[in-house]
C-alpha atoms as a PDB file:
ATOM      1  CA  MET A   1     127.195  38.893 234.569  1.00  0.00           C
ATOM      2  CA  LYS A   2     124.573  39.460 232.824  1.00  0.00           C
ATOM      3  CA  PRO A   3     123.835  35.785 231.710  1.00  0.00           C
ATOM      4  CA  PHE A   4     123.981  35.112 234.775  1.00  0.00           C
ATOM      5  CA  VAL A   5     121.452  36.685 236.491  1.00  0.00           C
ATOM      6  CA  ALA A   6     119.537  35.231 234.032  1.00  0.00           C
ATOM      7  CA  LEU A   7     120.022  31.934 234.601  1.00  0.00           C
ATOM      8  CA  ILE A   8     119.240  32.660 238.406  1.00  0.00           C
ATOM      9  CA  ALA A   9     115.833  34.494 237.189  1.00  0.00           C
ATOM     10  CA  ILE A  10     115.524  31.789 235.376  1.00  0.00           C
ATOM     11  CA  ALA A  11     115.700  29.556 238.183  1.00  0.00           C
ATOM     12  CA  ALA A  12     113.642  31.281 240.458  1.00  0.00           C
ATOM     13  CA  LEU A  13     110.506  31.196 237.845  1.00  0.00           C
ATOM     14  CA  PRO A  14     108.831  27.825 239.077  1.00  0.00           C
ATOM     15  CA  LEU A  15     109.387  28.982 242.908  1.00  0.00           C
ATOM     16  CA  SER A  16     107.461  32.290 241.843  1.00  0.00           C
ATOM     17  CA  ILE A  17     104.656  30.648 239.330  1.00  0.00           C
ATOM     18  CA  ALA A  18     104.422  27.212 241.938  1.00  0.00           C
ATOM     19  CA  PRO A  19     101.023  26.888 243.935  1.00  0.00           C
ATOM     20  CA  VAL A  20      99.979  28.554 247.084  1.00  0.00           C
ATOM     21  CA  HIS A  21      99.407  25.900 249.614  1.00  0.00           C
ATOM     22  CA  ALA A  22      96.224  26.225 252.489  1.00  0.00           C
ATOM     23  CA  SER A  23      96.979  28.510 254.873  1.00  0.00           C
ATOM     24  CA  PRO A  24      95.984  31.889 256.718  1.00  0.00           C
ATOM     25  CA  GLU A  25      98.426  33.201 253.622  1.00  0.00           C
ATOM     26  CA  LEU A  26      95.956  31.654 251.206  1.00  0.00           C
ATOM     27  CA  ALA A  27      93.161  32.568 253.742  1.00  0.00           C
ATOM     28  CA  ALA A  28      94.254  36.159 253.287  1.00  0.00           C
ATOM     29  CA  LYS A  29      95.644  36.567 249.958  1.00  0.00           C
ATOM     30  CA  SER A  30      91.614  35.471 249.687  1.00  0.00           C
ATOM     31  CA  ASN A  31      90.037  38.016 251.227  1.00  0.00           C
ATOM     32  CA  CYS A  32      88.571  35.490 253.602  1.00  0.00           C
ATOM     33  CA  MET A  33      90.513  37.063 256.695  1.00  0.00           C
ATOM     34  CA  VAL A  34      88.288  40.523 256.024  1.00  0.00           C
ATOM     35  CA  CYS A  35      85.539  38.765 257.648  1.00  0.00           C
ATOM     36  CA  HIS A  36      86.633  35.352 259.684  1.00  0.00           C
ATOM     37  CA  ASP A  37      89.111  34.684 262.625  1.00  0.00           C
ATOM     38  CA  MET A  38      90.611  31.596 263.336  1.00  0.00           C
ATOM     39  CA  GLN A  39      89.356  31.311 266.962  1.00  0.00           C
ATOM     40  CA  LYS A  40      86.769  34.403 267.052  1.00  0.00           C
ATOM     41  CA  LYS A  41      83.452  35.706 265.156  1.00  0.00           C
ATOM     42  CA  LYS A  42      84.256  38.812 263.388  1.00  0.00           C
ATOM     43  CA  MET A  43      81.175  39.345 260.108  1.00  0.00           C
ATOM     44  CA  GLY A  44      81.274  35.496 259.458  1.00  0.00           C
ATOM     45  CA  PRO A  45      82.248  33.135 261.829  1.00  0.00           C
ATOM     46  CA  ALA A  46      85.945  31.802 263.225  1.00  0.00           C
ATOM     47  CA  PHE A  47      86.965  29.323 261.138  1.00  0.00           C
ATOM     48  CA  ASN A  48      86.975  26.475 263.674  1.00  0.00           C
ATOM     49  CA  GLU A  49      83.002  26.666 263.764  1.00  0.00           C
ATOM     50  CA  ILE A  50      83.205  26.006 260.335  1.00  0.00           C
ATOM     51  CA  SER A  51      84.863  23.165 260.651  1.00  0.00           C
ATOM     52  CA  THR A  52      83.804  21.343 263.259  1.00  0.00           C
ATOM     53  CA  LYS A  53      79.977  22.081 261.353  1.00  0.00           C
ATOM     54  CA  TYR A  54      80.992  20.816 258.388  1.00  0.00           C
ATOM     55  CA  LYS A  55      82.414  17.404 259.771  1.00  0.00           C
ATOM     56  CA  MET A  56      79.950  17.064 261.259  1.00  0.00           C
ATOM     57  CA  GLY A  57      81.111  13.625 262.283  1.00  0.00           C
ATOM     58  CA  LEU A  58      82.275  12.450 259.047  1.00  0.00           C
ATOM     59  CA  GLY A  59      86.048  13.544 259.150  1.00  0.00           C
ATOM     60  CA  CYS A  60      89.154  14.957 257.422  1.00  0.00           C
ATOM     61  CA  GLY A  61      89.365  12.724 253.589  1.00  0.00           C
ATOM     62  CA  LYS A  62      85.375  12.486 253.183  1.00  0.00           C
ATOM     63  CA  ALA A  63      83.943  14.374 250.097  1.00  0.00           C
ATOM     64  CA  ASP A  64      80.919  15.322 251.528  1.00  0.00           C
ATOM     65  CA  SER A  65      82.124  17.956 253.876  1.00  0.00           C
ATOM     66  CA  GLU A  66      85.029  19.358 251.823  1.00  0.00           C
ATOM     67  CA  ALA A  67      82.791  19.034 248.286  1.00  0.00           C
ATOM     68  CA  MET A  68      79.988  20.907 250.344  1.00  0.00           C
ATOM     69  CA  LEU A  69      82.766  23.379 251.896  1.00  0.00           C
ATOM     70  CA  THR A  70      83.783  24.612 248.483  1.00  0.00           C
ATOM     71  CA  ASP A  71      80.562  25.156 247.236  1.00  0.00           C
ATOM     72  CA  SER A  72      79.827  27.544 249.803  1.00  0.00           C
ATOM     73  CA  ILE A  73      82.951  29.005 249.284  1.00  0.00           C
ATOM     74  CA  LEU A  74      82.620  29.448 245.538  1.00  0.00           C
ATOM     75  CA  LYS A  75      79.317  30.073 245.452  1.00  0.00           C
ATOM     76  CA  GLY A  76      78.190  32.234 249.082  1.00  0.00           C
ATOM     77  CA  SER A  77      75.824  30.761 251.367  1.00  0.00           C
ATOM     78  CA  LYS A  78      72.542  31.997 253.585  1.00  0.00           C
ATOM     79  CA  ASP A  79      71.137  31.654 256.660  1.00  0.00           C
ATOM     80  CA  LYS A  80      73.768  29.357 257.694  1.00  0.00           C
ATOM     81  CA  TRP A  81      75.636  31.390 259.866  1.00  0.00           C
ATOM     82  CA  GLY A  82      72.728  34.485 261.039  1.00  0.00           C
ATOM     83  CA  LYS A  83      71.605  36.718 259.225  1.00  0.00           C
ATOM     84  CA  ILE A  84      74.398  37.913 257.307  1.00  0.00           C
ATOM     85  CA  PRO A  85      75.202  36.522 253.875  1.00  0.00           C
ATOM     86  CA  MET A  86      78.804  35.265 252.554  1.00  0.00           C
ATOM     87  CA  PRO A  87      79.056  35.838 248.901  1.00  0.00           C
ATOM     88  CA  ALA A  88      80.011  33.975 246.274  1.00  0.00           C
ATOM     89  CA  GLN A  89      84.271  34.400 246.540  1.00  0.00           C
ATOM     90  CA  LYS A  90      86.092  34.796 243.038  1.00  0.00           C
ATOM     91  CA  ILE A  91      88.728  32.754 243.558  1.00  0.00           C
ATOM     92  CA  PRO A  92      89.998  29.667 241.611  1.00  0.00           C
ATOM     93  CA  PRO A  93      88.516  26.773 242.276  1.00  0.00           C
ATOM     94  CA  ALA A  94      91.266  24.698 243.227  1.00  0.00           C
ATOM     95  CA  ASP A  95      92.046  27.629 245.481  1.00  0.00           C
ATOM     96  CA  ALA A  96      88.638  27.135 246.597  1.00  0.00           C
ATOM     97  CA  GLN A  97      88.921  23.125 247.865  1.00  0.00           C
ATOM     98  CA  THR A  98      92.511  23.692 249.054  1.00  0.00           C
ATOM     99  CA  LEU A  99      90.574  26.462 252.283  1.00  0.00           C
ATOM    100  CA  ALA A 100      88.115  23.425 252.580  1.00  0.00           C
ATOM    101  CA  LYS A 101      90.845  21.429 253.592  1.00  0.00           C
ATOM    102  CA  TRP A 102      92.370  23.524 255.250  1.00  0.00           C
ATOM    103  CA  ILE A 103      89.143  25.060 257.673  1.00  0.00           C
ATOM    104  CA  LEU A 104      88.821  21.692 258.147  1.00  0.00           C
ATOM    105  CA  GLY A 105      92.639  20.545 259.618  1.00  0.00           C
ATOM    106  CA  CYS A 106      92.167  17.483 257.076  1.00  0.00           C
END
């Protein structure tokens, strides 16, 4: 019986270390939801407002909007949305890029 349980645990291992896909769950895990909401302003702007501002007519798949938003997530921003600055987020760059794509709706 023990070898069977060990086999199941080994088989499930890739599932537990798989990358998290961008979603409200990744945003919550990264603490984005503390200051942001999907549709309404909280301490920070709503994700739909961020998407509109960063797309700037470039649309999905354009490196500029995705790179600028990823950079803002990682380095923080000041004076883009009012008086409250966004501190730099201590998350993996890949997660920041995934979140940027999700926020942009790409």
